[in-house]
Amino acid sequence: MVFTNDHAPAHVHVFKNRFEIVIALGTGTVAQVDGSPTKAEIRNARAIVAEHIAECWTEWKRWHE
């Protein structure tokens, strides 16, 4: 998810059940974690963002440029 009124740097929010992981688009690093995801859940979130990186950038730019 990209929030329309969010801030730089470019990032996406990944939600699942009880947690939220914020992943920076430029580096793929985890910028923030809320809740208690496992290491495997964090790896999975990063993999999903990497797989859809072009779409994530398109949406970020659509709302923030």
N, C-alpha and C. Protein backbone atom coordinates (compact mmCIF):
# COMPACT_ATOMS: atom_id res chain seq x y z
N MET A 1 0.84 -1.17 0.00
CA MET A 1 0.00 0.00 0.00
C MET A 1 0.89 1.24 0.00
N VAL A 2 0.53 2.21 -0.81
CA VAL A 2 1.17 3.52 -0.81
C VAL A 2 0.14 4.51 -0.30
N PHE A 3 0.48 5.24 0.74
CA PHE A 3 -0.43 6.25 1.26
C PHE A 3 -0.28 7.52 0.44
N THR A 4 -1.40 8.12 0.07
CA THR A 4 -1.38 9.29 -0.81
C THR A 4 -0.84 10.54 -0.12
N ASN A 5 -0.94 10.63 1.18
CA ASN A 5 -0.48 11.82 1.89
C ASN A 5 0.77 11.53 2.72
N ASP A 6 1.53 10.52 2.31
CA ASP A 6 2.70 10.08 3.06
C ASP A 6 3.91 10.93 2.72
N HIS A 7 5.03 10.60 3.24
CA HIS A 7 6.25 11.40 3.18
C HIS A 7 7.36 10.66 2.43
N ALA A 8 8.37 11.40 2.04
CA ALA A 8 9.58 10.82 1.45
C ALA A 8 10.43 10.25 2.59
N PRO A 9 11.34 9.35 2.30
CA PRO A 9 11.66 8.75 1.01
C PRO A 9 10.59 7.76 0.57
N ALA A 10 10.66 7.40 -0.71
CA ALA A 10 9.67 6.50 -1.28
C ALA A 10 9.67 5.16 -0.54
N HIS A 11 8.48 4.71 -0.17
CA HIS A 11 8.34 3.45 0.55
C HIS A 11 6.91 2.93 0.41
N VAL A 12 6.73 1.68 0.77
CA VAL A 12 5.40 1.07 0.79
C VAL A 12 5.16 0.44 2.15
N HIS A 13 3.89 0.30 2.48
CA HIS A 13 3.48 -0.33 3.73
C HIS A 13 2.90 -1.70 3.39
N VAL A 14 3.42 -2.73 4.02
CA VAL A 14 2.94 -4.09 3.82
C VAL A 14 2.22 -4.50 5.11
N PHE A 15 0.95 -4.88 4.97
CA PHE A 15 0.14 -5.27 6.12
C PHE A 15 -0.21 -6.75 6.02
N LYS A 16 -0.17 -7.42 7.14
CA LYS A 16 -0.67 -8.78 7.21
C LYS A 16 -1.05 -9.06 8.66
N ASN A 17 -2.25 -9.51 8.85
CA ASN A 17 -2.74 -9.87 10.19
C ASN A 17 -2.39 -8.82 11.23
N ARG A 18 -1.42 -9.11 12.05
CA ARG A 18 -1.12 -8.30 13.23
C ARG A 18 0.05 -7.36 13.05
N PHE A 19 0.62 -7.23 11.86
CA PHE A 19 1.80 -6.40 11.73
C PHE A 19 1.80 -5.54 10.47
N GLU A 20 2.72 -4.58 10.48
CA GLU A 20 2.95 -3.68 9.34
C GLU A 20 4.46 -3.58 9.15
N ILE A 21 4.90 -3.70 7.90
CA ILE A 21 6.31 -3.56 7.57
C ILE A 21 6.42 -2.46 6.53
N VAL A 22 7.28 -1.47 6.78
CA VAL A 22 7.51 -0.38 5.84
C VAL A 22 8.83 -0.68 5.12
N ILE A 23 8.76 -0.73 3.79
CA ILE A 23 9.92 -1.09 2.98
C ILE A 23 10.26 0.07 2.05
N ALA A 24 11.52 0.51 2.10
CA ALA A 24 12.00 1.59 1.24
C ALA A 24 12.12 1.07 -0.19
N LEU A 25 11.58 1.83 -1.14
CA LEU A 25 11.61 1.40 -2.53
C LEU A 25 13.00 1.50 -3.14
N GLY A 26 13.76 2.50 -2.75
CA GLY A 26 15.08 2.69 -3.35
C GLY A 26 16.09 1.63 -2.99
N THR A 27 15.97 1.08 -1.78
CA THR A 27 16.97 0.13 -1.29
C THR A 27 16.41 -1.24 -0.97
N GLY A 28 15.10 -1.33 -0.79
CA GLY A 28 14.49 -2.60 -0.40
C GLY A 28 14.69 -2.93 1.07
N THR A 29 15.22 -1.98 1.82
CA THR A 29 15.45 -2.21 3.24
C THR A 29 14.17 -1.99 4.04
N VAL A 30 14.12 -2.63 5.18
CA VAL A 30 12.99 -2.46 6.08
C VAL A 30 13.22 -1.20 6.88
N ALA A 31 12.32 -0.24 6.72
CA ALA A 31 12.46 1.05 7.38
C ALA A 31 11.76 1.08 8.73
N GLN A 32 10.75 0.25 8.89
CA GLN A 32 9.96 0.27 10.13
C GLN A 32 9.18 -1.03 10.24
N VAL A 33 9.01 -1.50 11.46
CA VAL A 33 8.18 -2.68 11.72
C VAL A 33 7.28 -2.37 12.90
N ASP A 34 6.00 -2.60 12.73
CA ASP A 34 5.04 -2.49 13.82
C ASP A 34 4.40 -3.86 14.01
N GLY A 35 4.38 -4.32 15.24
CA GLY A 35 3.90 -5.67 15.52
C GLY A 35 5.09 -6.58 15.67
N SER A 36 4.87 -7.87 15.52
CA SER A 36 5.94 -8.85 15.73
C SER A 36 6.01 -9.87 14.61
N PRO A 37 6.34 -9.42 13.38
CA PRO A 37 6.46 -10.40 12.31
C PRO A 37 7.70 -11.28 12.53
N THR A 38 7.64 -12.49 12.02
CA THR A 38 8.80 -13.37 12.07
C THR A 38 9.80 -12.94 11.00
N LYS A 39 11.01 -13.45 11.09
CA LYS A 39 12.01 -13.16 10.06
C LYS A 39 11.53 -13.64 8.70
N ALA A 40 10.85 -14.76 8.67
CA ALA A 40 10.33 -15.30 7.41
C ALA A 40 9.26 -14.37 6.83
N GLU A 41 8.41 -13.80 7.68
CA GLU A 41 7.38 -12.88 7.20
C GLU A 41 8.01 -11.60 6.64
N ILE A 42 9.08 -11.14 7.27
CA ILE A 42 9.78 -9.97 6.76
C ILE A 42 10.43 -10.29 5.41
N ARG A 43 11.07 -11.43 5.31
CA ARG A 43 11.67 -11.83 4.02
C ARG A 43 10.60 -11.93 2.94
N ASN A 44 9.45 -12.49 3.29
CA ASN A 44 8.36 -12.64 2.33
C ASN A 44 7.84 -11.28 1.88
N ALA A 45 7.69 -10.35 2.81
CA ALA A 45 7.23 -9.00 2.45
C ALA A 45 8.23 -8.33 1.51
N ARG A 46 9.52 -8.45 1.81
CA ARG A 46 10.55 -7.86 0.95
C ARG A 46 10.52 -8.50 -0.44
N ALA A 47 10.30 -9.81 -0.50
CA ALA A 47 10.25 -10.52 -1.79
C ALA A 47 9.05 -10.06 -2.61
N ILE A 48 7.91 -9.87 -1.96
CA ILE A 48 6.71 -9.41 -2.67
C ILE A 48 6.93 -8.01 -3.24
N VAL A 49 7.51 -7.13 -2.44
CA VAL A 49 7.78 -5.78 -2.93
C VAL A 49 8.78 -5.83 -4.09
N ALA A 50 9.83 -6.63 -3.97
CA ALA A 50 10.82 -6.76 -5.04
C ALA A 50 10.17 -7.27 -6.33
N GLU A 51 9.27 -8.23 -6.19
CA GLU A 51 8.57 -8.80 -7.35
C GLU A 51 7.69 -7.77 -8.05
N HIS A 52 7.18 -6.81 -7.29
CA HIS A 52 6.25 -5.81 -7.82
C HIS A 52 6.84 -4.40 -7.77
N ILE A 53 8.15 -4.29 -7.82
CA ILE A 53 8.81 -3.00 -7.62
C ILE A 53 8.38 -1.96 -8.66
N ALA A 54 8.22 -2.36 -9.91
CA ALA A 54 7.81 -1.40 -10.94
C ALA A 54 6.43 -0.81 -10.62
N GLU A 55 5.51 -1.65 -10.20
CA GLU A 55 4.17 -1.18 -9.86
C GLU A 55 4.21 -0.28 -8.62
N CYS A 56 5.04 -0.63 -7.65
CA CYS A 56 5.16 0.20 -6.45
C CYS A 56 5.68 1.58 -6.80
N TRP A 57 6.72 1.64 -7.65
CA TRP A 57 7.26 2.94 -8.07
C TRP A 57 6.23 3.74 -8.85
N THR A 58 5.49 3.08 -9.73
CA THR A 58 4.48 3.78 -10.51
C THR A 58 3.45 4.43 -9.60
N GLU A 59 2.97 3.69 -8.61
CA GLU A 59 1.98 4.25 -7.69
C GLU A 59 2.57 5.36 -6.83
N TRP A 60 3.79 5.16 -6.33
CA TRP A 60 4.42 6.20 -5.53
C TRP A 60 4.52 7.50 -6.33
N LYS A 61 5.02 7.39 -7.57
CA LYS A 61 5.20 8.58 -8.40
C LYS A 61 3.87 9.22 -8.76
N ARG A 62 2.85 8.39 -8.99
CA ARG A 62 1.54 8.93 -9.34
C ARG A 62 1.01 9.85 -8.23
N TRP A 63 1.27 9.53 -6.99
CA TRP A 63 0.73 10.29 -5.88
C TRP A 63 1.68 11.34 -5.32
N HIS A 64 2.98 11.22 -5.61
CA HIS A 64 3.95 12.08 -4.93
C HIS A 64 4.77 12.96 -5.86
N GLU A 65 4.59 12.88 -7.15
CA GLU A 65 5.36 13.74 -8.06
C GLU A 65 4.44 14.70 -8.79
